[in-house]
Amino acid sequence: MVHIRYIVIILVSIFLQSTLIKFIAISPFNITPDIVLLAVLYISIKVGNFYGPIYGFSAGLFIDIISGSFVGLCALLYTIICFITGYLKKDDDRLLRNYNFLIITLIFSLIFFIIYYFFYFQGTSLTLIDILIRYIIPTSAFTSLFSLFYIFLIIKRKMKTQY
């Protein structure tokens, strides 16, 4: 039953990523948060490094098929990131509370977008510094900003259940 909930989370995040997220794009470079990355990070920290990469690969492959470019790149990167963050699984979910999830999201989104944009912009005239300033840092920051919504929802829900 728990896995059905995670599948629904991934499907909803993929739907939102492919349809509604483009309406909140910032800058002339269409910087948008990667909410699928947030979903697979959350799930891999919850379920560990066995099921996490399975969810990451499935979500990444689905995103690759929908986007139509570089099939397998997001699948590979989500799988690797979910495998690594799966080792962060703790029984008390302390990494998902407070601002720990924000730090985890920032670190792993930077890693993800450095590798992703390195392959995506290969063969273009953009330098690594241009890619870093125009795409990697803003996208990682925007994705991390969206992790704050999750943190506030969890903290608010935990505070309600404590009383």
N, C-alpha and C. Protein backbone atom coordinates (compact mmCIF):
# COMPACT_ATOMS: atom_id res chain seq x y z
N MET A 1 0.82 -1.20 0.00
CA MET A 1 0.00 0.00 0.00
C MET A 1 0.86 1.27 0.00
N VAL A 2 1.99 1.19 0.69
CA VAL A 2 2.89 2.34 0.74
C VAL A 2 3.46 2.62 -0.65
N HIS A 3 3.76 1.56 -1.39
CA HIS A 3 4.33 1.76 -2.72
C HIS A 3 3.32 2.39 -3.68
N ILE A 4 2.07 2.12 -3.49
CA ILE A 4 1.04 2.75 -4.32
C ILE A 4 1.03 4.25 -4.08
N ARG A 5 1.21 4.64 -2.82
CA ARG A 5 1.26 6.07 -2.49
C ARG A 5 2.46 6.74 -3.17
N TYR A 6 3.60 6.07 -3.18
CA TYR A 6 4.79 6.62 -3.82
C TYR A 6 4.63 6.68 -5.34
N ILE A 7 3.99 5.70 -5.92
CA ILE A 7 3.72 5.73 -7.35
C ILE A 7 2.82 6.90 -7.70
N VAL A 8 1.81 7.14 -6.88
CA VAL A 8 0.91 8.27 -7.10
C VAL A 8 1.67 9.59 -6.97
N ILE A 9 2.56 9.69 -5.99
CA ILE A 9 3.36 10.90 -5.82
C ILE A 9 4.19 11.16 -7.07
N ILE A 10 4.81 10.12 -7.59
CA ILE A 10 5.64 10.29 -8.79
C ILE A 10 4.79 10.66 -10.00
N LEU A 11 3.66 10.00 -10.18
CA LEU A 11 2.81 10.30 -11.33
C LEU A 11 2.26 11.72 -11.26
N VAL A 12 1.86 12.16 -10.09
CA VAL A 12 1.36 13.53 -9.93
C VAL A 12 2.48 14.53 -10.19
N SER A 13 3.68 14.26 -9.67
CA SER A 13 4.78 15.19 -9.91
C SER A 13 5.18 15.23 -11.38
N ILE A 14 5.13 14.09 -12.07
CA ILE A 14 5.42 14.08 -13.51
C ILE A 14 4.36 14.87 -14.26
N PHE A 15 3.10 14.69 -13.88
CA PHE A 15 2.02 15.44 -14.53
C PHE A 15 2.21 16.94 -14.32
N LEU A 16 2.48 17.34 -13.08
CA LEU A 16 2.67 18.76 -12.79
C LEU A 16 3.91 19.31 -13.50
N GLN A 17 4.97 18.52 -13.55
CA GLN A 17 6.20 18.96 -14.21
C GLN A 17 5.99 19.16 -15.71
N SER A 18 5.22 18.29 -16.31
CA SER A 18 5.05 18.38 -17.77
C SER A 18 3.95 19.34 -18.20
N THR A 19 3.09 19.76 -17.28
CA THR A 19 1.97 20.63 -17.69
C THR A 19 2.00 22.00 -17.01
N LEU A 20 1.95 22.05 -15.71
CA LEU A 20 1.72 23.32 -15.01
C LEU A 20 2.98 24.07 -14.63
N ILE A 21 4.08 23.38 -14.45
CA ILE A 21 5.28 24.03 -13.93
C ILE A 21 5.83 25.08 -14.89
N LYS A 22 5.56 24.94 -16.17
CA LYS A 22 6.09 25.92 -17.14
C LYS A 22 5.48 27.31 -16.96
N PHE A 23 4.37 27.40 -16.24
CA PHE A 23 3.73 28.70 -16.02
C PHE A 23 4.42 29.52 -14.94
N ILE A 24 5.30 28.91 -14.17
CA ILE A 24 6.02 29.67 -13.15
C ILE A 24 7.50 29.81 -13.51
N ALA A 25 7.81 29.66 -14.78
CA ALA A 25 9.20 29.80 -15.24
C ALA A 25 9.70 31.21 -15.00
N ILE A 26 10.95 31.32 -14.60
CA ILE A 26 11.56 32.63 -14.38
C ILE A 26 12.73 32.80 -15.34
N SER A 27 13.11 34.01 -15.55
CA SER A 27 14.22 34.43 -16.40
C SER A 27 13.94 34.14 -17.87
N PRO A 28 14.69 34.77 -18.74
CA PRO A 28 14.49 34.51 -20.18
C PRO A 28 14.92 33.10 -20.60
N PHE A 29 15.54 32.36 -19.69
CA PHE A 29 16.01 31.01 -20.01
C PHE A 29 15.03 29.92 -19.57
N ASN A 30 13.82 30.32 -19.15
CA ASN A 30 12.77 29.38 -18.72
C ASN A 30 13.23 28.44 -17.61
N ILE A 31 13.72 29.00 -16.54
CA ILE A 31 14.17 28.22 -15.39
C ILE A 31 12.95 27.76 -14.60
N THR A 32 12.81 26.46 -14.44
CA THR A 32 11.69 25.90 -13.67
C THR A 32 12.23 24.92 -12.65
N PRO A 33 11.52 24.73 -11.54
CA PRO A 33 11.97 23.74 -10.56
C PRO A 33 11.70 22.33 -11.07
N ASP A 34 12.49 21.41 -10.61
CA ASP A 34 12.32 20.01 -10.97
C ASP A 34 11.62 19.31 -9.81
N ILE A 35 10.30 19.28 -9.84
CA ILE A 35 9.56 18.68 -8.74
C ILE A 35 9.61 17.16 -8.78
N VAL A 36 9.93 16.60 -9.91
CA VAL A 36 10.12 15.14 -9.97
C VAL A 36 11.37 14.77 -9.20
N LEU A 37 12.40 15.58 -9.30
CA LEU A 37 13.61 15.36 -8.51
C LEU A 37 13.31 15.41 -7.02
N LEU A 38 12.50 16.38 -6.62
CA LEU A 38 12.09 16.45 -5.21
C LEU A 38 11.35 15.19 -4.78
N ALA A 39 10.46 14.72 -5.64
CA ALA A 39 9.68 13.53 -5.30
C ALA A 39 10.57 12.30 -5.15
N VAL A 40 11.49 12.10 -6.09
CA VAL A 40 12.33 10.91 -5.99
C VAL A 40 13.35 11.02 -4.86
N LEU A 41 13.80 12.23 -4.54
CA LEU A 41 14.66 12.40 -3.37
C LEU A 41 13.92 12.03 -2.09
N TYR A 42 12.71 12.54 -1.95
CA TYR A 42 11.88 12.23 -0.78
C TYR A 42 11.64 10.72 -0.67
N ILE A 43 11.26 10.11 -1.78
CA ILE A 43 10.93 8.69 -1.76
C ILE A 43 12.17 7.85 -1.46
N SER A 44 13.30 8.20 -2.04
CA SER A 44 14.50 7.39 -1.80
C SER A 44 15.00 7.51 -0.37
N ILE A 45 14.80 8.68 0.25
CA ILE A 45 15.16 8.81 1.66
C ILE A 45 14.19 8.01 2.52
N LYS A 46 12.93 7.90 2.12
CA LYS A 46 11.95 7.14 2.88
C LYS A 46 12.13 5.63 2.74
N VAL A 47 12.41 5.15 1.50
CA VAL A 47 12.41 3.70 1.26
C VAL A 47 13.80 3.08 1.21
N GLY A 48 14.85 3.87 1.10
CA GLY A 48 16.20 3.33 1.11
C GLY A 48 16.78 3.14 -0.27
N ASN A 49 17.96 2.49 -0.30
CA ASN A 49 18.69 2.40 -1.56
C ASN A 49 18.34 1.18 -2.39
N PHE A 50 17.36 0.40 -2.01
CA PHE A 50 16.91 -0.69 -2.87
C PHE A 50 15.75 -0.25 -3.75
N TYR A 51 14.68 0.25 -3.13
CA TYR A 51 13.52 0.69 -3.90
C TYR A 51 13.68 2.10 -4.48
N GLY A 52 14.49 2.92 -3.85
CA GLY A 52 14.69 4.29 -4.33
C GLY A 52 15.16 4.37 -5.78
N PRO A 53 16.21 3.63 -6.15
CA PRO A 53 16.64 3.67 -7.56
C PRO A 53 15.60 3.13 -8.53
N ILE A 54 14.78 2.22 -8.09
CA ILE A 54 13.72 1.70 -8.97
C ILE A 54 12.72 2.82 -9.27
N TYR A 55 12.32 3.55 -8.23
CA TYR A 55 11.43 4.69 -8.44
C TYR A 55 12.11 5.78 -9.27
N GLY A 56 13.39 6.03 -8.99
CA GLY A 56 14.12 7.04 -9.73
C GLY A 56 14.26 6.71 -11.20
N PHE A 57 14.58 5.45 -11.50
CA PHE A 57 14.71 5.04 -12.90
C PHE A 57 13.37 5.15 -13.62
N SER A 58 12.31 4.70 -12.97
CA SER A 58 10.98 4.75 -13.60
C SER A 58 10.55 6.18 -13.88
N ALA A 59 10.73 7.05 -12.89
CA ALA A 59 10.35 8.45 -13.08
C ALA A 59 11.21 9.11 -14.15
N GLY A 60 12.51 8.84 -14.12
CA GLY A 60 13.41 9.43 -15.11
C GLY A 60 13.12 8.96 -16.52
N LEU A 61 12.83 7.68 -16.67
CA LEU A 61 12.51 7.16 -18.01
C LEU A 61 11.21 7.77 -18.53
N PHE A 62 10.24 7.92 -17.65
CA PHE A 62 8.97 8.53 -18.03
C PHE A 62 9.19 9.98 -18.46
N ILE A 63 9.99 10.73 -17.71
CA ILE A 63 10.30 12.12 -18.06
C ILE A 63 11.05 12.18 -19.39
N ASP A 64 11.99 11.26 -19.59
CA ASP A 64 12.75 11.24 -20.85
C ASP A 64 11.84 10.96 -22.04
N ILE A 65 10.91 10.05 -21.88
CA ILE A 65 10.00 9.73 -22.98
C ILE A 65 9.08 10.90 -23.28
N ILE A 66 8.60 11.57 -22.24
CA ILE A 66 7.72 12.72 -22.45
C ILE A 66 8.48 13.87 -23.10
N SER A 67 9.70 14.14 -22.65
CA SER A 67 10.45 15.28 -23.18
C SER A 67 10.97 15.01 -24.59
N GLY A 68 11.29 13.78 -24.90
CA GLY A 68 11.70 13.43 -26.25
C GLY A 68 13.15 13.69 -26.59
N SER A 69 13.95 14.08 -25.61
CA SER A 69 15.36 14.29 -25.91
C SER A 69 16.23 13.53 -24.91
N PHE A 70 17.32 12.99 -25.39
CA PHE A 70 18.27 12.25 -24.56
C PHE A 70 17.59 11.18 -23.72
N VAL A 71 16.94 10.26 -24.37
CA VAL A 71 16.24 9.19 -23.65
C VAL A 71 17.25 8.39 -22.85
N GLY A 72 17.04 8.35 -21.56
CA GLY A 72 17.89 7.60 -20.65
C GLY A 72 18.75 8.46 -19.76
N LEU A 73 18.92 9.74 -20.10
CA LEU A 73 19.78 10.60 -19.28
C LEU A 73 19.17 10.87 -17.92
N CYS A 74 17.93 11.31 -17.88
CA CYS A 74 17.27 11.54 -16.59
C CYS A 74 17.10 10.23 -15.82
N ALA A 75 16.81 9.17 -16.53
CA ALA A 75 16.65 7.86 -15.88
C ALA A 75 17.95 7.46 -15.18
N LEU A 76 19.06 7.63 -15.86
CA LEU A 76 20.35 7.29 -15.27
C LEU A 76 20.67 8.19 -14.08
N LEU A 77 20.48 9.49 -14.24
CA LEU A 77 20.81 10.42 -13.17
C LEU A 77 19.91 10.26 -11.96
N TYR A 78 18.60 10.08 -12.18
CA TYR A 78 17.70 9.85 -11.06
C TYR A 78 18.05 8.55 -10.34
N THR A 79 18.43 7.53 -11.08
CA THR A 79 18.79 6.25 -10.47
C THR A 79 20.03 6.41 -9.58
N ILE A 80 21.04 7.09 -10.09
CA ILE A 80 22.27 7.29 -9.31
C ILE A 80 21.99 8.12 -8.07
N ILE A 81 21.25 9.20 -8.23
CA ILE A 81 20.96 10.08 -7.10
C ILE A 81 20.09 9.37 -6.06
N CYS A 82 19.13 8.59 -6.51
CA CYS A 82 18.29 7.84 -5.56
C CYS A 82 19.08 6.75 -4.86
N PHE A 83 20.03 6.16 -5.54
CA PHE A 83 20.87 5.15 -4.90
C PHE A 83 21.71 5.78 -3.79
N ILE A 84 22.28 6.95 -4.07
CA ILE A 84 23.11 7.62 -3.07
C ILE A 84 22.26 8.12 -1.91
N THR A 85 21.14 8.77 -2.21
CA THR A 85 20.30 9.29 -1.12
C THR A 85 19.59 8.18 -0.36
N GLY A 86 19.48 7.02 -0.95
CA GLY A 86 18.90 5.89 -0.23
C GLY A 86 19.72 5.49 0.99
N TYR A 87 21.01 5.77 0.94
CA TYR A 87 21.86 5.50 2.10
C TYR A 87 21.62 6.47 3.24
N LEU A 88 20.90 7.55 2.97
CA LEU A 88 20.58 8.52 4.01
C LEU A 88 19.33 8.13 4.80
N LYS A 89 18.73 7.01 4.49
CA LYS A 89 17.50 6.58 5.16
C LYS A 89 17.76 6.36 6.64
N LYS A 90 16.92 6.96 7.44
CA LYS A 90 16.95 6.77 8.89
C LYS A 90 15.54 6.38 9.32
N ASP A 91 15.44 5.65 10.42
CA ASP A 91 14.13 5.19 10.88
C ASP A 91 13.26 6.33 11.39
N ASP A 92 13.86 7.38 11.90
CA ASP A 92 13.06 8.46 12.48
C ASP A 92 12.80 9.61 11.52
N ASP A 93 13.22 9.49 10.26
CA ASP A 93 12.98 10.51 9.23
C ASP A 93 13.49 11.89 9.63
N ARG A 94 14.57 11.94 10.38
CA ARG A 94 15.06 13.25 10.80
C ARG A 94 15.64 14.05 9.65
N LEU A 95 16.04 13.39 8.57
CA LEU A 95 16.55 14.12 7.41
C LEU A 95 15.45 14.77 6.59
N LEU A 96 14.22 14.39 6.85
CA LEU A 96 13.10 14.98 6.13
C LEU A 96 12.46 16.11 6.92
N ARG A 97 12.96 16.36 8.11
CA ARG A 97 12.41 17.43 8.94
C ARG A 97 13.36 18.62 8.97
N ASN A 98 12.85 19.69 9.49
CA ASN A 98 13.60 20.94 9.61
C ASN A 98 14.14 21.37 8.25
N TYR A 99 15.39 21.75 8.22
CA TYR A 99 15.94 22.23 6.95
C TYR A 99 16.96 21.26 6.36
N ASN A 100 17.02 20.06 6.89
CA ASN A 100 17.93 19.06 6.35
C ASN A 100 17.56 18.70 4.92
N PHE A 101 16.28 18.59 4.64
CA PHE A 101 15.84 18.24 3.30
C PHE A 101 16.20 19.35 2.30
N LEU A 102 16.19 20.58 2.73
CA LEU A 102 16.59 21.70 1.88
C LEU A 102 18.06 21.56 1.48
N ILE A 103 18.91 21.23 2.43
CA ILE A 103 20.33 21.07 2.15
C ILE A 103 20.57 19.88 1.24
N ILE A 104 19.89 18.77 1.50
CA ILE A 104 20.01 17.58 0.65
C ILE A 104 19.55 17.91 -0.76
N THR A 105 18.44 18.61 -0.88
CA THR A 105 17.93 18.98 -2.20
C THR A 105 18.91 19.88 -2.94
N LEU A 106 19.47 20.84 -2.26
CA LEU A 106 20.42 21.75 -2.90
C LEU A 106 21.66 21.00 -3.39
N ILE A 107 22.21 20.15 -2.57
CA ILE A 107 23.42 19.41 -2.95
C ILE A 107 23.15 18.49 -4.14
N PHE A 108 22.08 17.69 -4.05
CA PHE A 108 21.84 16.72 -5.10
C PHE A 108 21.26 17.35 -6.37
N SER A 109 20.57 18.47 -6.24
CA SER A 109 20.12 19.13 -7.47
C SER A 109 21.29 19.79 -8.19
N LEU A 110 22.26 20.30 -7.44
CA LEU A 110 23.47 20.82 -8.09
C LEU A 110 24.21 19.71 -8.84
N ILE A 111 24.37 18.57 -8.20
CA ILE A 111 25.03 17.44 -8.86
C ILE A 111 24.25 17.02 -10.09
N PHE A 112 22.94 16.88 -9.94
CA PHE A 112 22.09 16.45 -11.05
C PHE A 112 22.19 17.40 -12.23
N PHE A 113 22.02 18.71 -11.97
CA PHE A 113 21.98 19.67 -13.07
C PHE A 113 23.36 19.91 -13.70
N ILE A 114 24.43 19.76 -12.93
CA ILE A 114 25.77 19.87 -13.53
C ILE A 114 25.95 18.77 -14.58
N ILE A 115 25.63 17.55 -14.21
CA ILE A 115 25.79 16.44 -15.15
C ILE A 115 24.79 16.55 -16.29
N TYR A 116 23.54 16.87 -15.96
CA TYR A 116 22.50 16.94 -16.99
C TYR A 116 22.83 18.01 -18.03
N TYR A 117 23.12 19.22 -17.58
CA TYR A 117 23.38 20.30 -18.53
C TYR A 117 24.71 20.14 -19.25
N PHE A 118 25.66 19.43 -18.63
CA PHE A 118 26.90 19.14 -19.33
C PHE A 118 26.62 18.34 -20.60
N PHE A 119 25.76 17.34 -20.51
CA PHE A 119 25.41 16.55 -21.69
C PHE A 119 24.42 17.29 -22.59
N TYR A 120 23.51 18.02 -22.00
CA TYR A 120 22.47 18.70 -22.77
C TYR A 120 23.05 19.77 -23.69
N PHE A 121 24.01 20.53 -23.20
CA PHE A 121 24.58 21.62 -23.98
C PHE A 121 25.89 21.24 -24.68
N GLN A 122 26.18 19.97 -24.74
CA GLN A 122 27.40 19.54 -25.42
C GLN A 122 27.30 19.86 -26.91
N GLY A 123 28.32 20.48 -27.44
CA GLY A 123 28.33 20.85 -28.84
C GLY A 123 27.81 22.24 -29.12
N THR A 124 27.40 22.97 -28.09
CA THR A 124 26.96 24.35 -28.29
C THR A 124 28.11 25.30 -28.00
N SER A 125 27.90 26.56 -28.26
CA SER A 125 28.96 27.55 -28.04
C SER A 125 28.99 28.08 -26.61
N LEU A 126 28.12 27.60 -25.74
CA LEU A 126 28.11 28.06 -24.35
C LEU A 126 29.29 27.48 -23.58
N THR A 127 29.92 28.32 -22.78
CA THR A 127 31.01 27.84 -21.93
C THR A 127 30.43 27.24 -20.65
N LEU A 128 31.27 26.56 -19.91
CA LEU A 128 30.82 25.95 -18.66
C LEU A 128 30.37 27.00 -17.66
N ILE A 129 31.04 28.14 -17.63
CA ILE A 129 30.66 29.23 -16.72
C ILE A 129 29.28 29.78 -17.12
N ASP A 130 29.02 29.95 -18.41
CA ASP A 130 27.72 30.43 -18.87
C ASP A 130 26.61 29.45 -18.46
N ILE A 131 26.86 28.18 -18.65
CA ILE A 131 25.88 27.16 -18.28
C ILE A 131 25.65 27.17 -16.78
N LEU A 132 26.73 27.33 -16.03
CA LEU A 132 26.62 27.35 -14.57
C LEU A 132 25.80 28.53 -14.09
N ILE A 133 26.07 29.71 -14.64
CA ILE A 133 25.39 30.92 -14.18
C ILE A 133 23.96 31.00 -14.72
N ARG A 134 23.74 30.63 -15.96
CA ARG A 134 22.42 30.77 -16.57
C ARG A 134 21.45 29.65 -16.20
N TYR A 135 21.95 28.45 -16.01
CA TYR A 135 21.05 27.31 -15.87
C TYR A 135 21.22 26.54 -14.57
N ILE A 136 22.43 26.13 -14.24
CA ILE A 136 22.62 25.20 -13.12
C ILE A 136 22.28 25.83 -11.79
N ILE A 137 22.87 26.97 -11.48
CA ILE A 137 22.62 27.61 -10.17
C ILE A 137 21.17 28.07 -10.03
N PRO A 138 20.58 28.75 -11.02
CA PRO A 138 19.17 29.15 -10.84
C PRO A 138 18.20 27.97 -10.73
N THR A 139 18.43 26.94 -11.53
CA THR A 139 17.52 25.79 -11.47
C THR A 139 17.66 25.06 -10.14
N SER A 140 18.88 24.91 -9.65
CA SER A 140 19.08 24.25 -8.35
C SER A 140 18.48 25.08 -7.22
N ALA A 141 18.65 26.38 -7.29
CA ALA A 141 18.08 27.24 -6.25
C ALA A 141 16.56 27.22 -6.28
N PHE A 142 15.99 27.25 -7.47
CA PHE A 142 14.53 27.23 -7.59
C PHE A 142 13.96 25.88 -7.13
N THR A 143 14.64 24.80 -7.45
CA THR A 143 14.21 23.49 -6.98
C THR A 143 14.31 23.40 -5.46
N SER A 144 15.38 23.92 -4.91
CA SER A 144 15.54 23.92 -3.45
C SER A 144 14.49 24.80 -2.77
N LEU A 145 14.15 25.89 -3.42
CA LEU A 145 13.10 26.76 -2.89
C LEU A 145 11.78 25.99 -2.80
N PHE A 146 11.49 25.17 -3.78
CA PHE A 146 10.28 24.38 -3.75
C PHE A 146 10.30 23.32 -2.65
N SER A 147 11.49 22.90 -2.24
CA SER A 147 11.55 21.95 -1.12
C SER A 147 11.10 22.59 0.18
N LEU A 148 11.13 23.92 0.25
CA LEU A 148 10.63 24.60 1.45
C LEU A 148 9.13 24.39 1.63
N PHE A 149 8.38 24.31 0.52
CA PHE A 149 6.95 24.04 0.63
C PHE A 149 6.72 22.69 1.29
N TYR A 150 7.52 21.71 0.91
CA TYR A 150 7.41 20.40 1.52
C TYR A 150 7.73 20.47 3.01
N ILE A 151 8.82 21.17 3.33
CA ILE A 151 9.24 21.26 4.74
C ILE A 151 8.15 21.90 5.59
N PHE A 152 7.55 22.98 5.09
CA PHE A 152 6.51 23.65 5.86
C PHE A 152 5.26 22.78 6.00
N LEU A 153 4.94 22.02 4.96
CA LEU A 153 3.79 21.12 5.06
C LEU A 153 4.03 20.02 6.08
N ILE A 154 5.22 19.45 6.10
CA ILE A 154 5.54 18.38 7.04
C ILE A 154 5.59 18.92 8.46
N ILE A 155 6.24 20.07 8.65
CA ILE A 155 6.34 20.64 9.99
C ILE A 155 4.94 20.98 10.51
N LYS A 156 4.12 21.55 9.66
CA LYS A 156 2.76 21.90 10.08
C LYS A 156 1.96 20.65 10.43
N ARG A 157 2.08 19.60 9.64
CA ARG A 157 1.35 18.37 9.91
C ARG A 157 1.86 17.70 11.18
N LYS A 158 3.17 17.71 11.41
CA LYS A 158 3.76 17.11 12.61
C LYS A 158 3.30 17.88 13.85
N MET A 159 3.20 19.22 13.74
CA MET A 159 2.78 20.02 14.89
C MET A 159 1.32 19.74 15.22
N LYS A 160 0.47 19.51 14.21
CA LYS A 160 -0.92 19.21 14.47
C LYS A 160 -1.09 17.86 15.13
N THR A 161 -0.26 16.87 14.76
CA THR A 161 -0.40 15.53 15.32
C THR A 161 0.18 15.44 16.73
N GLN A 162 1.02 16.39 17.13
CA GLN A 162 1.60 16.33 18.46
C GLN A 162 0.62 16.79 19.53
N TYR A 163 -0.36 17.58 19.18
CA TYR A 163 -1.29 18.10 20.20
C TYR A 163 -2.44 17.18 20.43
